[in-house]
C-alpha atoms as a PDB file:
ATOM      1  CA  UNK A   1      17.987  18.920  17.102  1.00  0.00           C
ATOM      2  CA  UNK A   2      18.752  22.006  15.013  1.00  0.00           C
ATOM      3  CA  UNK A   3      16.862  23.541  12.099  1.00  0.00           C
ATOM      4  CA  UNK A   4      19.615  23.862   9.487  1.00  0.00           C
ATOM      5  CA  UNK A   5      18.042  26.962   7.919  1.00  0.00           C
ATOM      6  CA  UNK A   6      17.876  29.036  11.106  1.00  0.00           C
ATOM      7  CA  UNK A   7      20.204  27.419  13.606  1.00  0.00           C
ATOM      8  CA  UNK A   8      17.275  27.287  16.044  1.00  0.00           C
ATOM      9  CA  UNK A   9      16.039  24.194  17.827  1.00  0.00           C
ATOM     10  CA  UNK A  10      13.044  22.617  16.087  1.00  0.00           C
ATOM     11  CA  UNK A  11      10.858  19.882  17.523  1.00  0.00           C
ATOM     12  CA  UNK A  12       9.968  16.933  15.355  1.00  0.00           C
ATOM     13  CA  UNK A  13       6.741  17.629  13.531  1.00  0.00           C
ATOM     14  CA  UNK A  14       7.364  21.384  13.178  1.00  0.00           C
ATOM     15  CA  UNK A  15       9.377  21.454   9.948  1.00  0.00           C
ATOM     16  CA  UNK A  16       7.881  23.379   7.055  1.00  0.00           C
ATOM     17  CA  UNK A  17       7.633  21.100   3.986  1.00  0.00           C
ATOM     18  CA  UNK A  18       8.514  23.877   1.524  1.00  0.00           C
ATOM     19  CA  UNK A  19      11.583  24.819   3.577  1.00  0.00           C
ATOM     20  CA  UNK A  20      12.630  21.161   3.691  1.00  0.00           C
ATOM     21  CA  UNK A  21      12.415  20.951  -0.083  1.00  0.00           C
ATOM     22  CA  UNK A  22      14.537  24.095  -0.454  1.00  0.00           C
ATOM     23  CA  UNK A  23      17.175  22.780   1.933  1.00  0.00           C
ATOM     24  CA  UNK A  24      17.290  19.479   0.078  1.00  0.00           C
ATOM     25  CA  UNK A  25      18.595  21.457  -2.910  1.00  0.00           C
ATOM     26  CA  UNK A  26      16.676  19.402  -5.452  1.00  0.00           C
ATOM     27  CA  UNK A  27      13.062  19.679  -6.566  1.00  0.00           C
ATOM     28  CA  UNK A  28      10.774  16.712  -6.817  1.00  0.00           C
ATOM     29  CA  UNK A  29      10.882  15.358 -10.350  1.00  0.00           C
ATOM     30  CA  UNK A  30       7.553  14.079 -11.700  1.00  0.00           C
ATOM     31  CA  UNK A  31       9.439  12.199 -14.407  1.00  0.00           C
ATOM     32  CA  UNK A  32      10.918  10.141 -11.571  1.00  0.00           C
ATOM     33  CA  UNK A  33       7.464   9.725 -10.009  1.00  0.00           C
ATOM     34  CA  UNK A  34       8.209  12.299  -7.293  1.00  0.00           C
ATOM     35  CA  UNK A  35       5.381  14.452  -5.964  1.00  0.00           C
ATOM     36  CA  UNK A  36       6.059  15.883  -2.501  1.00  0.00           C
ATOM     37  CA  UNK A  37       3.155  16.235  -0.102  1.00  0.00           C
ATOM     38  CA  UNK A  38       3.416  19.821   1.189  1.00  0.00           C
ATOM     39  CA  UNK A  39       0.055  20.448   2.883  1.00  0.00           C
ATOM     40  CA  UNK A  40       0.782  20.692   6.624  1.00  0.00           C
ATOM     41  CA  UNK A  41      -2.748  19.749   7.601  1.00  0.00           C
ATOM     42  CA  UNK A  42      -2.699  16.513   5.640  1.00  0.00           C
ATOM     43  CA  UNK A  43       0.812  15.686   6.848  1.00  0.00           C
ATOM     44  CA  UNK A  44      -0.262  16.207  10.457  1.00  0.00           C
ATOM     45  CA  UNK A  45      -3.275  13.913  10.071  1.00  0.00           C
ATOM     46  CA  UNK A  46      -1.645  10.970   8.299  1.00  0.00           C
ATOM     47  CA  UNK A  47       0.143   9.287  11.254  1.00  0.00           C
ATOM     48  CA  UNK A  48      -3.132   9.386  13.207  1.00  0.00           C
ATOM     49  CA  UNK A  49      -4.823   7.112  10.674  1.00  0.00           C
ATOM     50  CA  UNK A  50      -2.990   4.074  12.014  1.00  0.00           C
ATOM     51  CA  UNK A  51      -5.362   1.800  13.975  1.00  0.00           C
ATOM     52  CA  UNK A  52      -5.518   2.726  17.650  1.00  0.00           C
ATOM     53  CA  UNK A  53      -3.974  -0.570  18.710  1.00  0.00           C
ATOM     54  CA  UNK A  54      -1.185  -0.509  16.114  1.00  0.00           C
ATOM     55  CA  UNK A  55       2.313  -1.295  17.334  1.00  0.00           C
ATOM     56  CA  UNK A  56       4.326   1.831  16.475  1.00  0.00           C
ATOM     57  CA  UNK A  57       7.626   0.592  17.894  1.00  0.00           C
ATOM     58  CA  UNK A  58       9.187   0.352  14.408  1.00  0.00           C
ATOM     59  CA  UNK A  59       7.539   2.360  11.637  1.00  0.00           C
ATOM     60  CA  UNK A  60       8.445   2.065   7.967  1.00  0.00           C
ATOM     61  CA  UNK A  61       8.201   4.873   5.415  1.00  0.00           C
ATOM     62  CA  UNK A  62       8.634   4.233   1.701  1.00  0.00           C
ATOM     63  CA  UNK A  63       9.793   7.217  -0.363  1.00  0.00           C
ATOM     64  CA  UNK A  64      11.018   9.718   2.206  1.00  0.00           C
ATOM     65  CA  UNK A  65      11.790  12.464  -0.319  1.00  0.00           C
ATOM     66  CA  UNK A  66      12.678  15.729   1.449  1.00  0.00           C
ATOM     67  CA  UNK A  67      11.386  14.448   4.771  1.00  0.00           C
ATOM     68  CA  UNK A  68       8.072  16.215   5.444  1.00  0.00           C
ATOM     69  CA  UNK A  69       6.296  12.994   6.420  1.00  0.00           C
ATOM     70  CA  UNK A  70       9.487  11.659   8.008  1.00  0.00           C
ATOM     71  CA  UNK A  71       9.375  14.651  10.358  1.00  0.00           C
ATOM     72  CA  UNK A  72       5.775  13.878  11.377  1.00  0.00           C
ATOM     73  CA  UNK A  73       6.558  10.203  11.925  1.00  0.00           C
ATOM     74  CA  UNK A  74       9.532  11.076  14.125  1.00  0.00           C
ATOM     75  CA  UNK A  75       7.161  13.245  16.151  1.00  0.00           C
ATOM     76  CA  UNK A  76       4.787  10.295  16.508  1.00  0.00           C
ATOM     77  CA  UNK A  77       7.435   7.853  17.744  1.00  0.00           C
ATOM     78  CA  UNK A  78       8.890  10.362  20.239  1.00  0.00           C
ATOM     79  CA  UNK A  79       5.605  11.748  21.607  1.00  0.00           C
ATOM     80  CA  UNK A  80       5.627  12.492  25.326  1.00  0.00           C
ATOM     81  CA  UNK A  81       2.760  10.084  26.057  1.00  0.00           C
ATOM     82  CA  UNK A  82       4.798   7.103  24.840  1.00  0.00           C
ATOM     83  CA  UNK A  83       6.470   4.781  27.330  1.00  0.00           C
ATOM     84  CA  UNK A  84       9.602   4.765  25.182  1.00  0.00           C
ATOM     85  CA  UNK A  85      10.617   6.138  21.767  1.00  0.00           C
ATOM     86  CA  UNK A  86      10.049   3.990  18.720  1.00  0.00           C
ATOM     87  CA  UNK A  87      12.145   3.622  15.597  1.00  0.00           C
ATOM     88  CA  UNK A  88      11.630   4.742  12.005  1.00  0.00           C
ATOM     89  CA  UNK A  89      13.146   3.210   8.880  1.00  0.00           C
ATOM     90  CA  UNK A  90      12.869   5.176   5.642  1.00  0.00           C
ATOM     91  CA  UNK A  91      13.473   3.664   2.205  1.00  0.00           C
ATOM     92  CA  UNK A  92      14.525   6.270  -0.370  1.00  0.00           C
ATOM     93  CA  UNK A  93      15.637   5.438  -3.904  1.00  0.00           C
ATOM     94  CA  UNK A  94      17.096   8.843  -4.792  1.00  0.00           C
ATOM     95  CA  UNK A  95      20.628   9.167  -3.417  1.00  0.00           C
ATOM     96  CA  UNK A  96      20.434  12.960  -3.107  1.00  0.00           C
ATOM     97  CA  UNK A  97      17.344  12.783  -0.916  1.00  0.00           C
ATOM     98  CA  UNK A  98      18.690   9.830   1.089  1.00  0.00           C
ATOM     99  CA  UNK A  99      21.803  11.870   1.925  1.00  0.00           C
ATOM    100  CA  UNK A 100      19.667  14.894   2.791  1.00  0.00           C
ATOM    101  CA  UNK A 101      17.488  12.864   5.174  1.00  0.00           C
ATOM    102  CA  UNK A 102      20.576  11.639   7.022  1.00  0.00           C
ATOM    103  CA  UNK A 103      21.838  15.224   7.289  1.00  0.00           C
ATOM    104  CA  UNK A 104      18.552  16.914   8.145  1.00  0.00           C
ATOM    105  CA  UNK A 105      17.700  14.331  10.789  1.00  0.00           C
ATOM    106  CA  UNK A 106      21.263  13.637  11.936  1.00  0.00           C
ATOM    107  CA  UNK A 107      20.232  13.849  15.593  1.00  0.00           C
ATOM    108  CA  UNK A 108      17.581  11.169  15.083  1.00  0.00           C
ATOM    109  CA  UNK A 109      20.109   8.964  13.289  1.00  0.00           C
ATOM    110  CA  UNK A 110      22.628   9.455  16.106  1.00  0.00           C
ATOM    111  CA  UNK A 111      19.968   8.697  18.715  1.00  0.00           C
ATOM    112  CA  UNK A 112      19.053   5.417  17.009  1.00  0.00           C
ATOM    113  CA  UNK A 113      15.582   6.684  16.104  1.00  0.00           C
ATOM    114  CA  UNK A 114      16.043   6.827  12.331  1.00  0.00           C
ATOM    115  CA  UNK A 115      17.585   4.554   9.735  1.00  0.00           C
ATOM    116  CA  UNK A 116      17.698   5.663   6.085  1.00  0.00           C
ATOM    117  CA  UNK A 117      17.849   2.785   3.606  1.00  0.00           C
ATOM    118  CA  UNK A 118      18.963   3.880   0.160  1.00  0.00           C
ATOM    119  CA  UNK A 119      17.500   1.723  -2.593  1.00  0.00           C
ATOM    120  CA  UNK A 120      14.411   0.630  -4.481  1.00  0.00           C
ATOM    121  CA  UNK A 121      11.559  -0.483  -2.224  1.00  0.00           C
ATOM    122  CA  UNK A 122      10.860  -3.359  -4.608  1.00  0.00           C
ATOM    123  CA  UNK A 123      14.386  -4.715  -4.252  1.00  0.00           C
ATOM    124  CA  UNK A 124      15.808  -3.911  -0.816  1.00  0.00           C
ATOM    125  CA  UNK A 125      15.373  -6.201   2.179  1.00  0.00           C
ATOM    126  CA  UNK A 126      12.535  -4.849   4.293  1.00  0.00           C
ATOM    127  CA  UNK A 127      13.338  -4.222   7.967  1.00  0.00           C
ATOM    128  CA  UNK A 128      11.288  -5.931  10.673  1.00  0.00           C
ATOM    129  CA  UNK A 129       8.708  -3.121  10.764  1.00  0.00           C
ATOM    130  CA  UNK A 130       5.537  -3.092  12.868  1.00  0.00           C
ATOM    131  CA  UNK A 131       3.513  -0.644  10.717  1.00  0.00           C
ATOM    132  CA  UNK A 132       4.036   1.351   7.529  1.00  0.00           C
ATOM    133  CA  UNK A 133       3.016   4.934   6.739  1.00  0.00           C
ATOM    134  CA  UNK A 134       3.983   6.263   3.317  1.00  0.00           C
ATOM    135  CA  UNK A 135       3.261   8.565   0.408  1.00  0.00           C
ATOM    136  CA  UNK A 136       4.055   5.986  -2.257  1.00  0.00           C
ATOM    137  CA  UNK A 137       5.539   6.638  -5.705  1.00  0.00           C
ATOM    138  CA  UNK A 138       2.384   6.183  -7.767  1.00  0.00           C
ATOM    139  CA  UNK A 139       4.030   4.424 -10.712  1.00  0.00           C
ATOM    140  CA  UNK A 140       4.940   1.441  -8.535  1.00  0.00           C
ATOM    141  CA  UNK A 141       2.320   1.828  -5.784  1.00  0.00           C
ATOM    142  CA  UNK A 142       0.572  -1.442  -6.661  1.00  0.00           C
ATOM    143  CA  UNK A 143       3.793  -3.454  -6.605  1.00  0.00           C
ATOM    144  CA  UNK A 144       4.878  -1.907  -3.313  1.00  0.00           C
ATOM    145  CA  UNK A 145       1.448  -2.374  -1.719  1.00  0.00           C
ATOM    146  CA  UNK A 146       1.416  -6.049  -2.599  1.00  0.00           C
ATOM    147  CA  UNK A 147       4.890  -6.444  -1.202  1.00  0.00           C
ATOM    148  CA  UNK A 148       3.692  -4.919   2.075  1.00  0.00           C
ATOM    149  CA  UNK A 149       0.226  -6.483   2.422  1.00  0.00           C
ATOM    150  CA  UNK A 150       1.406 -10.092   2.924  1.00  0.00           C
ATOM    151  CA  UNK A 151       3.541  -8.884   5.844  1.00  0.00           C
ATOM    152  CA  UNK A 152       0.339  -8.627   7.893  1.00  0.00           C
ATOM    153  CA  UNK A 153       1.109  -5.210   9.389  1.00  0.00           C
ATOM    154  CA  UNK A 154      -1.065  -2.064   9.583  1.00  0.00           C
ATOM    155  CA  UNK A 155      -0.538   0.208   6.582  1.00  0.00           C
ATOM    156  CA  UNK A 156      -1.453   3.839   5.919  1.00  0.00           C
ATOM    157  CA  UNK A 157      -0.610   4.553   2.289  1.00  0.00           C
ATOM    158  CA  UNK A 158      -1.217   7.357  -0.203  1.00  0.00           C
ATOM    159  CA  UNK A 159      -2.437   6.272  -3.646  1.00  0.00           C
ATOM    160  CA  UNK A 160      -4.060   7.791  -6.669  1.00  0.00           C
ATOM    161  CA  UNK A 161      -7.724   8.209  -5.715  1.00  0.00           C
ATOM    162  CA  UNK A 162      -9.025   5.859  -8.397  1.00  0.00           C
ATOM    163  CA  UNK A 163      -6.652   3.115  -7.272  1.00  0.00           C
ATOM    164  CA  UNK A 164      -7.686   3.659  -3.644  1.00  0.00           C
ATOM    165  CA  UNK A 165     -11.383   3.394  -4.466  1.00  0.00           C
ATOM    166  CA  UNK A 166     -10.764   0.144  -6.333  1.00  0.00           C
ATOM    167  CA  UNK A 167      -8.862  -1.301  -3.371  1.00  0.00           C
ATOM    168  CA  UNK A 168     -11.743  -0.581  -1.008  1.00  0.00           C
ATOM    169  CA  UNK A 169     -14.671  -1.428  -3.319  1.00  0.00           C
ATOM    170  CA  UNK A 170     -17.262  -4.066  -2.410  1.00  0.00           C
ATOM    171  CA  UNK A 171     -18.773  -6.769  -4.596  1.00  0.00           C
ATOM    172  CA  UNK A 172     -21.325  -5.359  -7.027  1.00  0.00           C
ATOM    173  CA  UNK A 173     -19.778  -1.881  -7.174  1.00  0.00           C
ATOM    174  CA  UNK A 174     -18.380  -0.673 -10.490  1.00  0.00           C
ATOM    175  CA  UNK A 175     -14.886  -0.212  -8.992  1.00  0.00           C
ATOM    176  CA  UNK A 176     -14.813  -3.768  -7.621  1.00  0.00           C
ATOM    177  CA  UNK A 177     -12.291  -6.031  -9.298  1.00  0.00           C
ATOM    178  CA  UNK A 178      -9.150  -8.068  -8.965  1.00  0.00           C
ATOM    179  CA  UNK A 179      -7.470  -5.332  -6.906  1.00  0.00           C
ATOM    180  CA  UNK A 180     -10.364  -5.278  -4.410  1.00  0.00           C
ATOM    181  CA  UNK A 181     -10.379  -9.036  -3.863  1.00  0.00           C
ATOM    182  CA  UNK A 182      -6.596  -9.302  -3.669  1.00  0.00           C
ATOM    183  CA  UNK A 183      -6.157  -6.430  -1.195  1.00  0.00           C
ATOM    184  CA  UNK A 184      -9.094  -7.488   0.964  1.00  0.00           C
ATOM    185  CA  UNK A 185      -7.682 -11.009   1.122  1.00  0.00           C
ATOM    186  CA  UNK A 186      -5.059  -9.554   3.477  1.00  0.00           C
ATOM    187  CA  UNK A 187      -6.759  -6.665   5.264  1.00  0.00           C
ATOM    188  CA  UNK A 188      -9.785  -4.507   5.879  1.00  0.00           C
ATOM    189  CA  UNK A 189      -9.303  -1.596   3.469  1.00  0.00           C
ATOM    190  CA  UNK A 190     -10.705   1.884   4.114  1.00  0.00           C
ATOM    191  CA  UNK A 191     -10.304   5.166   2.259  1.00  0.00           C
ATOM    192  CA  UNK A 192      -9.797   7.575   5.164  1.00  0.00           C
ATOM    193  CA  UNK A 193      -9.129  10.854   3.324  1.00  0.00           C
ATOM    194  CA  UNK A 194      -9.207  12.208  -0.203  1.00  0.00           C
ATOM    195  CA  UNK A 195      -6.345  14.589  -0.967  1.00  0.00           C
ATOM    196  CA  UNK A 196      -6.548  17.247  -3.715  1.00  0.00           C
ATOM    197  CA  UNK A 197      -3.691  17.567  -6.165  1.00  0.00           C
ATOM    198  CA  UNK A 198      -2.999  21.063  -4.810  1.00  0.00           C
ATOM    199  CA  UNK A 199      -1.596  19.408  -1.671  1.00  0.00           C
ATOM    200  CA  UNK A 200       1.455  18.279  -3.667  1.00  0.00           C
ATOM    201  CA  UNK A 201       4.414  19.958  -5.324  1.00  0.00           C
ATOM    202  CA  UNK A 202       4.617  19.463  -8.223  1.00  0.00           C
ATOM    203  CA  UNK A 203       0.946  18.715  -8.599  1.00  0.00           C
ATOM    204  CA  UNK A 204       0.058  15.269  -9.973  1.00  0.00           C
ATOM    205  CA  UNK A 205      -2.494  15.013 -12.748  1.00  0.00           C
ATOM    206  CA  UNK A 206      -5.091  13.337 -10.508  1.00  0.00           C
ATOM    207  CA  UNK A 207      -6.454  13.472  -6.987  1.00  0.00           C
ATOM    208  CA  UNK A 208      -5.065  11.188  -4.311  1.00  0.00           C
ATOM    209  CA  UNK A 209      -6.405   9.338  -1.286  1.00  0.00           C
ATOM    210  CA  UNK A 210      -5.091   7.927   1.960  1.00  0.00           C
ATOM    211  CA  UNK A 211      -5.894   4.255   2.518  1.00  0.00           C
ATOM    212  CA  UNK A 212      -5.758   2.362   5.806  1.00  0.00           C
ATOM    213  CA  UNK A 213      -5.174  -1.385   5.613  1.00  0.00           C
ATOM    214  CA  UNK A 214      -5.888  -3.168   8.889  1.00  0.00           C
ATOM    215  CA  UNK A 215      -4.547  -6.729   8.697  1.00  0.00           C
ATOM    216  CA  UNK A 216      -6.797  -9.659   9.518  1.00  0.00           C
ATOM    217  CA  UNK A 217      -7.184 -13.283   8.541  1.00  0.00           C
ATOM    218  CA  UNK A 218      -9.798 -13.847   5.819  1.00  0.00           C
ATOM    219  CA  UNK A 219     -13.065 -15.554   6.773  1.00  0.00           C
ATOM    220  CA  UNK A 220     -12.315 -18.341   4.312  1.00  0.00           C
ATOM    221  CA  UNK A 221      -9.458 -20.746   3.683  1.00  0.00           C
ATOM    222  CA  UNK A 222      -7.390 -21.248   0.538  1.00  0.00           C
ATOM    223  CA  UNK A 223      -5.008 -24.150   0.091  1.00  0.00           C
ATOM    224  CA  UNK A 224      -2.767 -22.348  -2.389  1.00  0.00           C
ATOM    225  CA  UNK A 225      -2.660 -18.569  -2.087  1.00  0.00           C
ATOM    226  CA  UNK A 226      -0.732 -18.049  -5.323  1.00  0.00           C
ATOM    227  CA  UNK A 227      -3.322 -20.054  -7.268  1.00  0.00           C
ATOM    228  CA  UNK A 228      -6.193 -18.214  -5.567  1.00  0.00           C
ATOM    229  CA  UNK A 229      -4.805 -14.818  -6.606  1.00  0.00           C
ATOM    230  CA  UNK A 230      -4.078 -16.070 -10.124  1.00  0.00           C
ATOM    231  CA  UNK A 231      -7.612 -17.488 -10.404  1.00  0.00           C
ATOM    232  CA  UNK A 232      -9.117 -14.144  -9.325  1.00  0.00           C
ATOM    233  CA  UNK A 233      -6.941 -12.345 -11.868  1.00  0.00           C
ATOM    234  CA  UNK A 234      -8.066 -14.736 -14.600  1.00  0.00           C
ATOM    235  CA  UNK A 235     -11.783 -14.365 -13.969  1.00  0.00           C
ATOM    236  CA  UNK A 236     -11.623 -10.569 -13.880  1.00  0.00           C
ATOM    237  CA  UNK A 237     -10.100 -10.517 -17.363  1.00  0.00           C
ATOM    238  CA  UNK A 238     -13.610 -11.681 -18.359  1.00  0.00           C
ATOM    239  CA  UNK A 239     -15.602  -9.561 -15.945  1.00  0.00           C
ATOM    240  CA  UNK A 240     -18.471  -9.019 -18.402  1.00  0.00           C
ATOM    241  CA  UNK A 241     -18.847 -12.741 -19.023  1.00  0.00           C
ATOM    242  CA  UNK A 242     -20.653 -15.197 -16.797  1.00  0.00           C
ATOM    243  CA  UNK A 243     -18.495 -17.079 -14.314  1.00  0.00           C
ATOM    244  CA  UNK A 244     -19.118 -20.192 -16.422  1.00  0.00           C
ATOM    245  CA  UNK A 245     -17.573 -18.641 -19.524  1.00  0.00           C
ATOM    246  CA  UNK A 246     -14.873 -16.835 -17.570  1.00  0.00           C
ATOM    247  CA  UNK A 247     -13.609 -20.139 -16.171  1.00  0.00           C
ATOM    248  CA  UNK A 248     -13.683 -21.792 -19.579  1.00  0.00           C
ATOM    249  CA  UNK A 249     -11.973 -18.892 -21.360  1.00  0.00           C
ATOM    250  CA  UNK A 250      -9.097 -18.292 -18.940  1.00  0.00           C
ATOM    251  CA  UNK A 251      -7.482 -21.652 -18.289  1.00  0.00           C
ATOM    252  CA  UNK A 252      -4.303 -20.329 -19.917  1.00  0.00           C
ATOM    253  CA  UNK A 253      -4.159 -17.588 -17.252  1.00  0.00           C
ATOM    254  CA  UNK A 254      -5.248 -19.534 -14.171  1.00  0.00           C
ATOM    255  CA  UNK A 255      -3.300 -22.616 -15.197  1.00  0.00           C
ATOM    256  CA  UNK A 256      -6.300 -24.955 -15.329  1.00  0.00           C
ATOM    257  CA  UNK A 257      -5.801 -27.985 -17.569  1.00  0.00           C
ATOM    258  CA  UNK A 258      -9.473 -28.960 -17.370  1.00  0.00           C
ATOM    259  CA  UNK A 259     -11.701 -25.899 -16.849  1.00  0.00           C
ATOM    260  CA  UNK A 260     -14.744 -27.840 -18.101  1.00  0.00           C
ATOM    261  CA  UNK A 261     -14.434 -30.181 -15.130  1.00  0.00           C
ATOM    262  CA  UNK A 262     -14.648 -27.172 -12.826  1.00  0.00           C
ATOM    263  CA  UNK A 263     -17.750 -25.880 -14.587  1.00  0.00           C
ATOM    264  CA  UNK A 264     -19.413 -29.289 -14.358  1.00  0.00           C
ATOM    265  CA  UNK A 265     -18.811 -29.437 -10.593  1.00  0.00           C
ATOM    266  CA  UNK A 266     -19.718 -25.843  -9.709  1.00  0.00           C
ATOM    267  CA  UNK A 267     -23.081 -24.584  -8.471  1.00  0.00           C
ATOM    268  CA  UNK A 268     -25.320 -23.526 -11.360  1.00  0.00           C
ATOM    269  CA  UNK A 269     -26.493 -20.325  -9.663  1.00  0.00           C
ATOM    270  CA  UNK A 270     -22.877 -19.290  -9.144  1.00  0.00           C
ATOM    271  CA  UNK A 271     -21.992 -20.020 -12.755  1.00  0.00           C
ATOM    272  CA  UNK A 272     -24.711 -17.651 -14.011  1.00  0.00           C
ATOM    273  CA  UNK A 273     -23.278 -14.710 -12.108  1.00  0.00           C
ATOM    274  CA  UNK A 274     -20.539 -12.350 -13.226  1.00  0.00           C
ATOM    275  CA  UNK A 275     -17.161 -12.051 -11.496  1.00  0.00           C
ATOM    276  CA  UNK A 276     -17.853  -8.524 -10.259  1.00  0.00           C
ATOM    277  CA  UNK A 277     -20.733  -9.776  -8.093  1.00  0.00           C
ATOM    278  CA  UNK A 278     -18.763 -12.466  -6.233  1.00  0.00           C
ATOM    279  CA  UNK A 279     -17.613 -11.842  -2.659  1.00  0.00           C
ATOM    280  CA  UNK A 280     -14.010 -12.814  -1.897  1.00  0.00           C
ATOM    281  CA  UNK A 281     -15.275 -15.873  -0.014  1.00  0.00           C
ATOM    282  CA  UNK A 282     -17.112 -17.056  -3.150  1.00  0.00           C
ATOM    283  CA  UNK A 283     -13.920 -16.649  -5.169  1.00  0.00           C
ATOM    284  CA  UNK A 284     -12.090 -18.693  -2.533  1.00  0.00           C
ATOM    285  CA  UNK A 285     -14.629 -21.525  -2.639  1.00  0.00           C
ATOM    286  CA  UNK A 286     -14.549 -21.559  -6.423  1.00  0.00           C
ATOM    287  CA  UNK A 287     -10.750 -21.495  -6.467  1.00  0.00           C
ATOM    288  CA  UNK A 288     -10.631 -24.491  -4.126  1.00  0.00           C
ATOM    289  CA  UNK A 289     -13.036 -26.358  -6.391  1.00  0.00           C
ATOM    290  CA  UNK A 290     -10.861 -25.441  -9.360  1.00  0.00           C
ATOM    291  CA  UNK A 291      -7.782 -26.782  -7.571  1.00  0.00           C
ATOM    292  CA  UNK A 292      -9.557 -30.051  -6.876  1.00  0.00           C
ATOM    293  CA  UNK A 293     -11.199 -30.594 -10.257  1.00  0.00           C
ATOM    294  CA  UNK A 294      -9.308 -28.524 -12.796  1.00  0.00           C
ATOM    295  CA  UNK A 295      -5.823 -30.088 -12.556  1.00  0.00           C
ATOM    296  CA  UNK A 296      -4.025 -26.744 -12.205  1.00  0.00           C
ATOM    297  CA  UNK A 297      -0.388 -26.464 -13.227  1.00  0.00           C
ATOM    298  CA  UNK A 298       2.182 -23.807 -12.424  1.00  0.00           C
ATOM    299  CA  UNK A 299       2.030 -20.791 -14.729  1.00  0.00           C
END
């Protein structure tokens, strides 16, 4: 592999992020939701946040940009202590950067280590990845995260810090809400590092955070996942109301034809509480009761 700026051999993981951006010939454009992570220390740490038992045989990166994280992920899948090299697929929407990634990492492409998929991560067919590590475009980070979470694979993702804290929040905390319940339905969610805005070029307006999502089955059962998530969404639109009133006021969102029947059948102590105090398992039990008694319809 050759460093295109010097003609010298460069190992994966050694590329300077600023030099990569210069070679790409195009700056990150914040109007297109592009903020390149350029802090070497953060870049070096991110792949290590995958769970120790994660299958790294086929990593996925969303938003490769100029390739700073791509370089670190190629280093991870070709490390000397591995039995065999893994593979990396990178989804990049910007055609200029997609072409640059193929050129910069031509040796990895030729060796079958790297595949660059040009397109929108919300639209393209996802490869059969085993884990995902990505600095997500913040404007669509929620949509991308909830496309990835149901896949049941380990994820290490960069978000805006506020969004990350909401994902990981527990019942009773001020940040706890629909996002917390929905994300934790699929995985254990941990904020593993906060990242200052100075670590990016151009700098975003807010701080960021790295989140690790370790997939696991929930400790409760839901008969209709789509209804469960819709029911959670509905109740959190009335988070300052009691659960009793939240159920009654949001039938048009949850799709309940008879919310009063749900209230009549539910536990009185539960009905007096507010949505922000309910554990995900309590939401699940209430959603199942709502499915049985509330005559839900498709929304």
